[in-house]
């Protein structure tokens, strides 16, 4: 009788040892690529990679009842110059990583605070590639389907990437989710990513 009880105890002990070993170690492989591109970027054909994009003043009524309503779409460009000419074409995009200025939904938070701030409104960035505009999911990995690469032709040293920004009420539908009037301010950090 003692030997019959011993078998299940030994099997249970072996199972626990195997489970513990499987959960405590592993291997992570990393891969990447470096290129020798030297592109410089300017916002809206200005003289700097940074600047301000002014959205229009719109009625809060355009964003009422939540449900993803948008308004005030304003285009902007990021122009690359001084790229190293390549014998083959290559892709480039502006990648917007997660920062303290972004929320978990992929939008820019309204950084205006206090009684002057609009409530229940975020900023959404769109990327235009050809005739298609795609909302970017800010903070998601560069491999996210929302990021599209603009092609720099073989031998070319410049290209313009087209974007837009708009107000968005990303809350659920219903009057309790109406946007309130006020100021909106957002900050987007970006870096160039090459394909």
N, C-alpha and C. Protein backbone atom coordinates (compact mmCIF):
# COMPACT_ATOMS: atom_id res chain seq x y z
N UNK A 1 0.80 -1.18 0.00
CA UNK A 1 0.00 0.00 0.00
C UNK A 1 0.85 1.26 0.00
N UNK A 2 1.94 1.23 0.72
CA UNK A 2 2.83 2.38 0.73
C UNK A 2 3.44 2.61 -0.64
N UNK A 3 3.76 1.56 -1.37
CA UNK A 3 4.35 1.74 -2.69
C UNK A 3 3.36 2.32 -3.68
N UNK A 4 2.10 2.05 -3.54
CA UNK A 4 1.09 2.64 -4.44
C UNK A 4 0.96 4.13 -4.21
N UNK A 5 1.09 4.58 -2.98
CA UNK A 5 1.01 6.00 -2.68
C UNK A 5 2.27 6.73 -3.14
N UNK A 6 3.38 6.07 -3.15
CA UNK A 6 4.64 6.66 -3.54
C UNK A 6 4.68 7.03 -5.01
N UNK A 7 4.08 6.23 -5.88
CA UNK A 7 4.12 6.48 -7.32
C UNK A 7 3.46 7.82 -7.67
N UNK A 8 2.23 8.11 -7.20
CA UNK A 8 1.65 9.42 -7.52
C UNK A 8 2.46 10.58 -6.95
N UNK A 9 3.06 10.41 -5.79
CA UNK A 9 3.86 11.48 -5.20
C UNK A 9 5.08 11.75 -6.05
N UNK A 10 5.76 10.71 -6.53
CA UNK A 10 6.94 10.87 -7.39
C UNK A 10 6.55 11.53 -8.71
N UNK A 11 5.44 11.12 -9.33
CA UNK A 11 4.99 11.71 -10.59
C UNK A 11 4.65 13.19 -10.39
N UNK A 12 3.98 13.52 -9.31
CA UNK A 12 3.63 14.91 -9.01
C UNK A 12 4.90 15.73 -8.80
N UNK A 13 5.87 15.20 -8.09
CA UNK A 13 7.12 15.92 -7.85
C UNK A 13 7.87 16.18 -9.15
N UNK A 14 7.93 15.20 -10.05
CA UNK A 14 8.59 15.38 -11.34
C UNK A 14 7.86 16.42 -12.17
N UNK A 15 6.55 16.41 -12.17
CA UNK A 15 5.76 17.39 -12.91
C UNK A 15 6.03 18.79 -12.41
N UNK A 16 6.11 18.97 -11.11
CA UNK A 16 6.37 20.30 -10.56
C UNK A 16 7.76 20.79 -10.92
N UNK A 17 8.75 19.92 -10.92
CA UNK A 17 10.10 20.30 -11.29
C UNK A 17 10.14 20.73 -12.75
N UNK A 18 9.49 20.00 -13.65
CA UNK A 18 9.48 20.36 -15.07
C UNK A 18 8.77 21.69 -15.31
N UNK A 19 7.67 21.92 -14.63
CA UNK A 19 6.95 23.18 -14.80
C UNK A 19 7.80 24.34 -14.32
N UNK A 20 8.45 24.19 -13.20
CA UNK A 20 9.27 25.26 -12.66
C UNK A 20 10.43 25.57 -13.59
N UNK A 21 11.07 24.57 -14.16
CA UNK A 21 12.18 24.80 -15.07
C UNK A 21 11.74 25.50 -16.34
N UNK A 22 10.60 25.14 -16.88
CA UNK A 22 10.13 25.74 -18.12
C UNK A 22 9.80 27.21 -17.95
N UNK A 23 9.40 27.63 -16.78
CA UNK A 23 8.97 29.00 -16.57
C UNK A 23 10.09 29.93 -16.11
N UNK A 24 11.29 29.43 -15.87
CA UNK A 24 12.31 30.27 -15.29
C UNK A 24 13.48 30.61 -16.20
N UNK A 25 13.50 30.09 -17.42
CA UNK A 25 14.61 30.44 -18.28
C UNK A 25 14.19 30.42 -19.75
N UNK A 26 15.00 30.98 -20.60
CA UNK A 26 14.70 31.01 -22.02
C UNK A 26 15.76 31.80 -22.76
N UNK A 27 15.55 31.95 -24.04
CA UNK A 27 16.49 32.66 -24.89
C UNK A 27 15.73 33.70 -25.71
N UNK A 28 16.28 34.88 -25.81
CA UNK A 28 15.71 35.93 -26.65
C UNK A 28 16.73 36.28 -27.70
N UNK A 29 16.34 36.20 -28.95
CA UNK A 29 17.21 36.59 -30.06
C UNK A 29 16.76 37.95 -30.58
N UNK A 30 17.70 38.81 -30.88
CA UNK A 30 17.42 40.14 -31.42
C UNK A 30 18.05 40.26 -32.79
N UNK A 31 17.38 40.97 -33.67
CA UNK A 31 17.97 41.25 -34.98
C UNK A 31 17.61 42.67 -35.37
N UNK A 32 18.39 43.25 -36.23
CA UNK A 32 18.15 44.62 -36.66
C UNK A 32 19.00 44.93 -37.87
N UNK A 33 19.00 46.18 -38.27
CA UNK A 33 19.75 46.59 -39.45
C UNK A 33 20.12 48.06 -39.29
N UNK A 34 21.31 48.41 -39.66
CA UNK A 34 21.76 49.79 -39.68
C UNK A 34 21.97 50.20 -41.12
N UNK A 35 21.62 51.43 -41.44
CA UNK A 35 21.91 51.92 -42.78
C UNK A 35 22.75 53.18 -42.66
N UNK A 36 23.14 53.72 -43.78
CA UNK A 36 23.98 54.91 -43.75
C UNK A 36 23.25 56.14 -44.31
N UNK A 37 21.93 56.18 -44.12
CA UNK A 37 21.16 57.32 -44.59
C UNK A 37 21.47 58.57 -43.78
N UNK A 38 21.44 59.70 -44.43
CA UNK A 38 21.77 60.98 -43.81
C UNK A 38 20.65 62.00 -43.99
N UNK A 39 19.43 61.52 -44.15
CA UNK A 39 18.31 62.42 -44.41
C UNK A 39 18.12 63.42 -43.27
N UNK A 40 17.82 64.65 -43.64
CA UNK A 40 17.43 65.70 -42.70
C UNK A 40 15.95 65.97 -42.93
N UNK A 41 15.22 66.32 -41.87
CA UNK A 41 13.79 66.50 -42.00
C UNK A 41 13.38 67.90 -41.57
N UNK A 42 12.39 68.47 -42.29
CA UNK A 42 11.83 69.77 -41.91
C UNK A 42 10.30 69.67 -41.91
N UNK A 43 9.69 70.39 -40.99
CA UNK A 43 8.24 70.42 -40.85
C UNK A 43 7.66 71.51 -41.74
N UNK A 44 6.67 71.16 -42.55
CA UNK A 44 5.95 72.12 -43.40
C UNK A 44 6.86 73.04 -44.20
N UNK A 45 7.90 72.48 -44.78
CA UNK A 45 8.86 73.22 -45.61
C UNK A 45 9.50 74.39 -44.90
N UNK A 46 9.59 74.29 -43.58
CA UNK A 46 10.22 75.34 -42.79
C UNK A 46 11.71 75.14 -42.72
N UNK A 47 12.28 75.53 -41.61
CA UNK A 47 13.73 75.42 -41.45
C UNK A 47 14.11 74.48 -40.31
N UNK A 48 13.11 73.79 -39.73
CA UNK A 48 13.38 72.96 -38.57
C UNK A 48 12.53 71.69 -38.61
N UNK A 49 13.01 70.67 -37.92
CA UNK A 49 12.25 69.41 -37.79
C UNK A 49 11.13 69.54 -36.78
N UNK A 50 11.15 70.62 -36.01
CA UNK A 50 10.13 70.86 -34.98
C UNK A 50 9.36 72.13 -35.31
N UNK A 51 8.18 72.25 -34.75
CA UNK A 51 7.38 73.45 -34.97
C UNK A 51 5.96 73.22 -34.48
N UNK A 52 5.08 74.12 -34.86
CA UNK A 52 3.69 74.07 -34.43
C UNK A 52 2.77 73.95 -35.64
N UNK A 53 1.81 73.05 -35.54
CA UNK A 53 0.74 72.92 -36.53
C UNK A 53 -0.52 73.47 -35.86
N UNK A 54 -1.08 74.53 -36.43
CA UNK A 54 -2.25 75.19 -35.84
C UNK A 54 -3.53 74.58 -36.41
N UNK A 55 -4.33 73.97 -35.55
CA UNK A 55 -5.63 73.44 -35.96
C UNK A 55 -6.66 74.56 -35.93
N UNK A 56 -7.71 74.44 -36.72
CA UNK A 56 -8.74 75.49 -36.70
C UNK A 56 -9.59 75.40 -35.44
N UNK A 57 -10.24 76.51 -35.11
CA UNK A 57 -11.24 76.50 -34.04
C UNK A 57 -12.51 75.90 -34.62
N UNK A 58 -13.03 74.87 -33.97
CA UNK A 58 -14.25 74.22 -34.44
C UNK A 58 -15.27 74.17 -33.31
N UNK A 59 -16.53 73.99 -33.66
CA UNK A 59 -17.58 73.88 -32.67
C UNK A 59 -17.50 72.54 -31.95
N UNK A 60 -17.69 72.56 -30.64
CA UNK A 60 -17.70 71.31 -29.88
C UNK A 60 -18.82 70.40 -30.35
N UNK A 61 -19.84 70.96 -30.98
CA UNK A 61 -20.97 70.17 -31.46
C UNK A 61 -20.53 69.12 -32.50
N UNK A 62 -19.44 69.39 -33.20
CA UNK A 62 -18.93 68.43 -34.19
C UNK A 62 -18.40 67.16 -33.52
N UNK A 63 -18.13 67.26 -32.22
CA UNK A 63 -17.56 66.12 -31.48
C UNK A 63 -18.51 65.58 -30.42
N UNK A 64 -19.77 65.98 -30.47
CA UNK A 64 -20.71 65.56 -29.43
C UNK A 64 -21.02 64.08 -29.50
N UNK A 65 -21.46 63.57 -28.40
CA UNK A 65 -21.93 62.18 -28.26
C UNK A 65 -20.84 61.14 -28.46
N UNK A 66 -19.60 61.53 -28.39
CA UNK A 66 -18.52 60.55 -28.47
C UNK A 66 -18.57 59.70 -29.72
N UNK A 67 -18.26 58.46 -29.57
CA UNK A 67 -18.35 57.52 -30.68
C UNK A 67 -17.32 57.71 -31.78
N UNK A 68 -16.21 58.37 -31.47
CA UNK A 68 -15.14 58.50 -32.46
C UNK A 68 -15.30 59.64 -33.44
N UNK A 69 -16.13 60.60 -33.14
CA UNK A 69 -16.33 61.74 -34.06
C UNK A 69 -15.04 62.55 -34.17
N UNK A 70 -14.80 63.10 -35.36
CA UNK A 70 -13.59 63.87 -35.61
C UNK A 70 -13.94 65.19 -36.27
N UNK A 71 -13.02 66.14 -36.19
CA UNK A 71 -13.22 67.45 -36.82
C UNK A 71 -11.88 68.16 -36.93
N UNK A 72 -11.85 69.19 -37.78
CA UNK A 72 -10.69 70.09 -37.86
C UNK A 72 -9.45 69.49 -38.48
N UNK A 73 -9.60 68.58 -39.41
CA UNK A 73 -8.41 67.94 -40.01
C UNK A 73 -7.52 68.98 -40.65
N UNK A 74 -6.24 68.94 -40.28
CA UNK A 74 -5.26 69.92 -40.74
C UNK A 74 -4.03 69.19 -41.29
N UNK A 75 -3.71 69.39 -42.57
CA UNK A 75 -2.54 68.69 -43.14
C UNK A 75 -1.22 69.30 -42.68
N UNK A 76 -0.19 68.46 -42.66
CA UNK A 76 1.18 68.93 -42.46
C UNK A 76 2.12 67.99 -43.19
N UNK A 77 3.32 68.45 -43.46
CA UNK A 77 4.29 67.63 -44.18
C UNK A 77 5.59 67.51 -43.39
N UNK A 78 6.28 66.42 -43.64
CA UNK A 78 7.64 66.22 -43.18
C UNK A 78 8.45 65.96 -44.45
N UNK A 79 9.33 66.90 -44.78
CA UNK A 79 10.12 66.79 -46.00
C UNK A 79 11.54 66.39 -45.66
N UNK A 80 12.00 65.34 -46.32
CA UNK A 80 13.37 64.87 -46.14
C UNK A 80 14.23 65.42 -47.26
N UNK A 81 15.38 65.96 -46.89
CA UNK A 81 16.36 66.45 -47.87
C UNK A 81 17.73 65.93 -47.46
N UNK A 82 18.66 65.98 -48.39
CA UNK A 82 20.03 65.58 -48.09
C UNK A 82 20.21 64.09 -47.87
N UNK A 83 19.25 63.29 -48.36
CA UNK A 83 19.40 61.84 -48.22
C UNK A 83 20.55 61.36 -49.11
N UNK A 84 21.20 60.33 -48.69
CA UNK A 84 22.27 59.74 -49.49
C UNK A 84 21.63 59.01 -50.67
N UNK A 85 22.02 59.39 -51.89
CA UNK A 85 21.48 58.75 -53.08
C UNK A 85 21.82 57.26 -53.06
N UNK A 86 20.82 56.44 -53.36
CA UNK A 86 21.00 55.00 -53.33
C UNK A 86 20.73 54.43 -54.72
N UNK A 87 21.37 53.35 -55.04
CA UNK A 87 21.14 52.71 -56.36
C UNK A 87 19.80 51.99 -56.39
N UNK A 88 19.20 51.79 -55.24
CA UNK A 88 17.87 51.17 -55.16
C UNK A 88 16.95 52.06 -54.33
N UNK A 89 15.68 51.92 -54.55
CA UNK A 89 14.72 52.70 -53.76
C UNK A 89 14.68 52.16 -52.33
N UNK A 90 14.23 53.00 -51.41
CA UNK A 90 14.07 52.57 -50.02
C UNK A 90 12.87 53.28 -49.42
N UNK A 91 12.35 52.72 -48.34
CA UNK A 91 11.19 53.30 -47.67
C UNK A 91 11.59 54.05 -46.41
N UNK A 92 10.81 55.07 -46.08
CA UNK A 92 11.02 55.84 -44.88
C UNK A 92 9.66 56.26 -44.32
N UNK A 93 9.57 56.35 -43.01
CA UNK A 93 8.35 56.84 -42.37
C UNK A 93 8.73 57.56 -41.09
N UNK A 94 7.81 58.37 -40.59
CA UNK A 94 7.98 58.99 -39.28
C UNK A 94 7.32 58.06 -38.27
N UNK A 95 8.09 57.62 -37.31
CA UNK A 95 7.57 56.73 -36.27
C UNK A 95 7.30 57.57 -35.01
N UNK A 96 6.11 57.41 -34.45
CA UNK A 96 5.69 58.15 -33.27
C UNK A 96 5.61 57.18 -32.09
N UNK A 97 6.66 57.12 -31.25
CA UNK A 97 6.67 56.18 -30.12
C UNK A 97 5.76 56.66 -28.98
N UNK A 98 5.48 55.76 -28.06
CA UNK A 98 4.72 56.13 -26.87
C UNK A 98 5.57 57.06 -26.01
N UNK A 99 4.94 58.10 -25.50
CA UNK A 99 5.61 59.05 -24.61
C UNK A 99 4.62 59.44 -23.52
N UNK A 100 5.04 60.32 -22.66
CA UNK A 100 4.14 60.84 -21.63
C UNK A 100 3.01 61.66 -22.25
N UNK A 101 3.15 62.03 -23.52
CA UNK A 101 2.16 62.86 -24.21
C UNK A 101 1.10 62.03 -24.94
N UNK A 102 1.22 60.71 -24.92
CA UNK A 102 0.29 59.84 -25.64
C UNK A 102 -0.53 59.00 -24.67
N UNK A 103 -1.67 58.54 -25.16
CA UNK A 103 -2.48 57.64 -24.32
C UNK A 103 -2.37 56.22 -24.85
N UNK A 104 -2.98 55.28 -24.17
CA UNK A 104 -2.87 53.87 -24.56
C UNK A 104 -3.67 53.53 -25.82
N UNK A 105 -4.54 54.44 -26.25
CA UNK A 105 -5.33 54.20 -27.45
C UNK A 105 -4.64 54.61 -28.74
N UNK A 106 -3.44 55.19 -28.66
CA UNK A 106 -2.72 55.61 -29.85
C UNK A 106 -2.98 57.05 -30.24
N UNK A 107 -3.41 57.87 -29.29
CA UNK A 107 -3.73 59.28 -29.56
C UNK A 107 -2.84 60.18 -28.73
N UNK A 108 -2.82 61.48 -29.09
CA UNK A 108 -2.12 62.48 -28.31
C UNK A 108 -3.08 63.03 -27.26
N UNK A 109 -2.64 63.05 -26.02
CA UNK A 109 -3.46 63.59 -24.93
C UNK A 109 -3.61 65.10 -25.10
N UNK A 110 -4.71 65.64 -24.58
CA UNK A 110 -4.85 67.09 -24.48
C UNK A 110 -4.04 67.52 -23.26
N UNK A 111 -2.96 68.28 -23.51
CA UNK A 111 -2.06 68.69 -22.44
C UNK A 111 -2.46 70.01 -21.80
N UNK A 112 -3.48 70.66 -22.37
CA UNK A 112 -4.00 71.89 -21.74
C UNK A 112 -4.63 71.48 -20.41
N UNK A 113 -4.39 72.25 -19.37
CA UNK A 113 -4.92 71.89 -18.05
C UNK A 113 -5.74 73.03 -17.46
N UNK A 114 -6.46 72.71 -16.43
CA UNK A 114 -7.21 73.72 -15.70
C UNK A 114 -8.55 74.03 -16.35
N UNK A 115 -9.11 75.15 -15.97
CA UNK A 115 -10.45 75.53 -16.43
C UNK A 115 -10.51 75.91 -17.89
N UNK A 116 -9.35 76.16 -18.53
CA UNK A 116 -9.35 76.54 -19.94
C UNK A 116 -9.28 75.33 -20.88
N UNK A 117 -9.14 74.12 -20.34
CA UNK A 117 -8.94 72.93 -21.16
C UNK A 117 -10.26 72.34 -21.67
N UNK A 118 -10.27 71.97 -22.95
CA UNK A 118 -11.39 71.18 -23.48
C UNK A 118 -11.29 69.79 -22.88
N UNK A 119 -12.43 69.16 -22.65
CA UNK A 119 -12.45 67.82 -22.06
C UNK A 119 -13.00 66.81 -23.06
N UNK A 120 -12.56 65.57 -22.89
CA UNK A 120 -12.97 64.44 -23.72
C UNK A 120 -12.63 64.69 -25.21
N UNK A 121 -11.42 65.16 -25.42
CA UNK A 121 -10.91 65.33 -26.78
C UNK A 121 -9.43 64.96 -26.79
N UNK A 122 -9.03 64.26 -27.85
CA UNK A 122 -7.63 63.90 -28.09
C UNK A 122 -7.28 64.36 -29.49
N UNK A 123 -6.02 64.23 -29.86
CA UNK A 123 -5.59 64.52 -31.23
C UNK A 123 -5.18 63.22 -31.90
N UNK A 124 -5.60 63.07 -33.14
CA UNK A 124 -5.30 61.87 -33.92
C UNK A 124 -4.45 62.27 -35.12
N UNK A 125 -3.35 61.56 -35.34
CA UNK A 125 -2.49 61.81 -36.51
C UNK A 125 -2.82 60.79 -37.58
N UNK A 126 -2.93 61.29 -38.82
CA UNK A 126 -3.17 60.42 -39.97
C UNK A 126 -1.98 60.52 -40.91
N UNK A 127 -1.68 59.43 -41.58
CA UNK A 127 -0.62 59.40 -42.58
C UNK A 127 -1.26 59.20 -43.94
N UNK A 128 -0.87 60.05 -44.89
CA UNK A 128 -1.39 59.93 -46.26
C UNK A 128 -0.34 59.25 -47.11
N UNK A 129 -0.73 58.16 -47.73
CA UNK A 129 0.17 57.43 -48.62
C UNK A 129 -0.60 57.21 -49.92
N UNK A 130 -0.24 57.94 -50.97
CA UNK A 130 -1.03 57.93 -52.20
C UNK A 130 -2.33 58.67 -51.93
N UNK A 131 -3.45 58.02 -52.17
CA UNK A 131 -4.75 58.65 -51.90
C UNK A 131 -5.38 58.14 -50.61
N UNK A 132 -4.69 57.26 -49.91
CA UNK A 132 -5.23 56.64 -48.70
C UNK A 132 -4.69 57.35 -47.45
N UNK A 133 -5.60 57.71 -46.56
CA UNK A 133 -5.22 58.26 -45.26
C UNK A 133 -5.50 57.23 -44.18
N UNK A 134 -4.48 56.95 -43.37
CA UNK A 134 -4.60 55.94 -42.32
C UNK A 134 -4.33 56.58 -40.96
N UNK A 135 -5.25 56.42 -39.99
CA UNK A 135 -4.95 56.89 -38.64
C UNK A 135 -3.76 56.10 -38.07
N UNK A 136 -2.78 56.82 -37.55
CA UNK A 136 -1.62 56.17 -36.93
C UNK A 136 -1.97 55.77 -35.51
N UNK A 137 -1.50 54.62 -35.13
CA UNK A 137 -1.67 54.15 -33.76
C UNK A 137 -0.38 54.48 -33.01
N UNK A 138 -0.33 55.71 -32.53
CA UNK A 138 0.87 56.22 -31.87
C UNK A 138 1.22 55.34 -30.68
N UNK A 139 2.51 55.03 -30.57
CA UNK A 139 2.98 54.22 -29.46
C UNK A 139 3.00 52.73 -29.75
N UNK A 140 2.38 52.32 -30.84
CA UNK A 140 2.42 50.91 -31.21
C UNK A 140 3.75 50.64 -31.91
N UNK A 141 4.18 49.39 -32.00
CA UNK A 141 5.46 49.09 -32.67
C UNK A 141 5.48 49.55 -34.12
N UNK A 142 6.64 49.81 -34.63
CA UNK A 142 6.80 50.26 -36.02
C UNK A 142 6.25 49.23 -37.00
N UNK A 143 6.12 48.00 -36.57
CA UNK A 143 5.57 46.94 -37.42
C UNK A 143 4.04 46.99 -37.49
N UNK A 144 3.40 47.88 -36.71
CA UNK A 144 1.94 48.00 -36.74
C UNK A 144 1.49 48.39 -38.14
N UNK A 145 0.38 47.81 -38.57
CA UNK A 145 -0.13 48.03 -39.93
C UNK A 145 -0.48 49.49 -40.22
N UNK A 146 -0.64 50.32 -39.20
CA UNK A 146 -0.98 51.72 -39.45
C UNK A 146 0.19 52.51 -40.03
N UNK A 147 1.41 52.05 -39.84
CA UNK A 147 2.58 52.75 -40.38
C UNK A 147 2.85 52.29 -41.81
N UNK A 148 2.89 53.26 -42.72
CA UNK A 148 3.19 52.99 -44.13
C UNK A 148 4.50 53.70 -44.49
N UNK A 149 5.27 53.09 -45.35
CA UNK A 149 6.54 53.69 -45.76
C UNK A 149 6.36 54.47 -47.05
N UNK A 150 6.96 55.66 -47.09
CA UNK A 150 7.02 56.46 -48.30
C UNK A 150 8.28 56.04 -49.04
N UNK A 151 8.16 55.80 -50.32
CA UNK A 151 9.30 55.31 -51.11
C UNK A 151 10.15 56.48 -51.62
N UNK A 152 11.45 56.39 -51.36
CA UNK A 152 12.42 57.32 -51.93
C UNK A 152 13.00 56.61 -53.15
N UNK A 153 12.81 57.20 -54.31
CA UNK A 153 13.22 56.57 -55.57
C UNK A 153 14.74 56.40 -55.63
N UNK A 154 15.17 55.42 -56.39
CA UNK A 154 16.60 55.20 -56.60
C UNK A 154 17.23 56.48 -57.14
N UNK A 155 18.33 56.89 -56.58
CA UNK A 155 19.04 58.10 -57.01
C UNK A 155 18.50 59.39 -56.42
N UNK A 156 17.33 59.35 -55.78
CA UNK A 156 16.74 60.57 -55.21
C UNK A 156 17.37 60.92 -53.88
N UNK A 157 17.38 62.20 -53.54
CA UNK A 157 17.93 62.65 -52.27
C UNK A 157 16.90 63.37 -51.41
N UNK A 158 15.65 63.40 -51.86
CA UNK A 158 14.60 64.05 -51.06
C UNK A 158 13.24 63.40 -51.34
N UNK A 159 12.33 63.59 -50.39
CA UNK A 159 10.96 63.10 -50.53
C UNK A 159 10.11 63.84 -49.50
N UNK A 160 8.83 63.98 -49.78
CA UNK A 160 7.91 64.61 -48.83
C UNK A 160 6.91 63.56 -48.34
N UNK A 161 6.73 63.53 -47.03
CA UNK A 161 5.76 62.63 -46.41
C UNK A 161 4.57 63.48 -45.94
N UNK A 162 3.36 62.99 -46.20
CA UNK A 162 2.15 63.76 -45.95
C UNK A 162 1.37 63.20 -44.76
N UNK A 163 0.99 64.10 -43.86
CA UNK A 163 0.26 63.74 -42.66
C UNK A 163 -0.87 64.73 -42.43
N UNK A 164 -1.70 64.43 -41.46
CA UNK A 164 -2.73 65.36 -41.01
C UNK A 164 -2.97 65.09 -39.53
N UNK A 165 -3.54 66.06 -38.86
CA UNK A 165 -3.92 65.92 -37.45
C UNK A 165 -5.35 66.43 -37.33
N UNK A 166 -6.11 65.83 -36.42
CA UNK A 166 -7.50 66.26 -36.22
C UNK A 166 -7.91 66.03 -34.77
N UNK A 167 -8.94 66.76 -34.37
CA UNK A 167 -9.55 66.54 -33.06
C UNK A 167 -10.36 65.25 -33.11
N UNK A 168 -10.42 64.55 -32.00
CA UNK A 168 -11.23 63.34 -31.94
C UNK A 168 -11.82 63.17 -30.55
N UNK A 169 -13.10 62.81 -30.52
CA UNK A 169 -13.73 62.40 -29.28
C UNK A 169 -13.71 60.88 -29.32
N UNK A 170 -12.79 60.29 -28.60
CA UNK A 170 -12.61 58.85 -28.64
C UNK A 170 -13.40 58.10 -27.59
N UNK A 171 -14.27 58.79 -26.87
CA UNK A 171 -15.04 58.15 -25.81
C UNK A 171 -16.26 57.45 -26.39
N UNK A 172 -16.93 56.68 -25.59
CA UNK A 172 -18.12 55.94 -26.01
C UNK A 172 -19.24 56.91 -26.39
N UNK A 173 -20.22 56.41 -27.12
CA UNK A 173 -21.35 57.24 -27.53
C UNK A 173 -22.24 57.58 -26.34
N UNK A 174 -22.87 58.74 -26.42
CA UNK A 174 -23.80 59.16 -25.39
C UNK A 174 -23.52 60.59 -24.96
N UNK A 175 -24.55 61.31 -24.56
CA UNK A 175 -24.40 62.72 -24.22
C UNK A 175 -23.47 62.94 -23.02
N UNK A 176 -23.33 61.94 -22.15
CA UNK A 176 -22.42 62.09 -21.01
C UNK A 176 -20.96 62.13 -21.46
N UNK A 177 -20.72 61.83 -22.73
CA UNK A 177 -19.35 61.84 -23.27
C UNK A 177 -19.12 63.01 -24.21
N UNK A 178 -19.99 64.02 -24.16
CA UNK A 178 -19.82 65.19 -25.01
C UNK A 178 -18.51 65.91 -24.70
N UNK A 179 -17.89 66.42 -25.74
CA UNK A 179 -16.70 67.24 -25.58
C UNK A 179 -17.11 68.59 -25.01
N UNK A 180 -16.30 69.14 -24.12
CA UNK A 180 -16.57 70.47 -23.60
C UNK A 180 -15.67 71.47 -24.31
N UNK A 181 -16.11 72.73 -24.42
CA UNK A 181 -15.28 73.72 -25.10
C UNK A 181 -14.03 74.06 -24.29
N UNK A 182 -13.01 74.47 -25.00
CA UNK A 182 -11.77 74.87 -24.35
C UNK A 182 -10.58 74.71 -25.27
N UNK A 183 -9.43 74.88 -24.72
CA UNK A 183 -8.19 74.82 -25.50
C UNK A 183 -7.69 73.37 -25.60
N UNK A 184 -6.99 73.10 -26.71
CA UNK A 184 -6.39 71.79 -26.94
C UNK A 184 -4.93 72.00 -27.30
N UNK A 185 -4.07 71.22 -26.66
CA UNK A 185 -2.63 71.30 -26.93
C UNK A 185 -2.07 69.89 -26.90
N UNK A 186 -1.28 69.52 -27.89
CA UNK A 186 -0.66 68.20 -27.92
C UNK A 186 0.78 68.28 -28.37
N UNK A 187 1.54 67.28 -28.03
CA UNK A 187 2.94 67.18 -28.46
C UNK A 187 3.18 65.79 -29.01
N UNK A 188 3.78 65.73 -30.18
CA UNK A 188 4.15 64.44 -30.79
C UNK A 188 5.66 64.41 -30.98
N UNK A 189 6.26 63.35 -30.53
CA UNK A 189 7.69 63.10 -30.73
C UNK A 189 7.80 62.08 -31.86
N UNK A 190 8.69 62.32 -32.80
CA UNK A 190 8.84 61.35 -33.90
C UNK A 190 10.31 61.14 -34.21
N UNK A 191 10.55 60.02 -34.89
CA UNK A 191 11.90 59.70 -35.37
C UNK A 191 11.74 59.04 -36.74
N UNK A 192 12.74 59.17 -37.56
CA UNK A 192 12.69 58.54 -38.88
C UNK A 192 13.01 57.06 -38.76
N UNK A 193 12.23 56.25 -39.48
CA UNK A 193 12.47 54.81 -39.54
C UNK A 193 12.59 54.42 -41.00
N UNK A 194 13.57 53.62 -41.31
CA UNK A 194 13.84 53.23 -42.70
C UNK A 194 13.49 51.77 -42.92
N UNK A 195 13.13 51.47 -44.14
CA UNK A 195 12.77 50.10 -44.51
C UNK A 195 13.90 49.49 -45.32
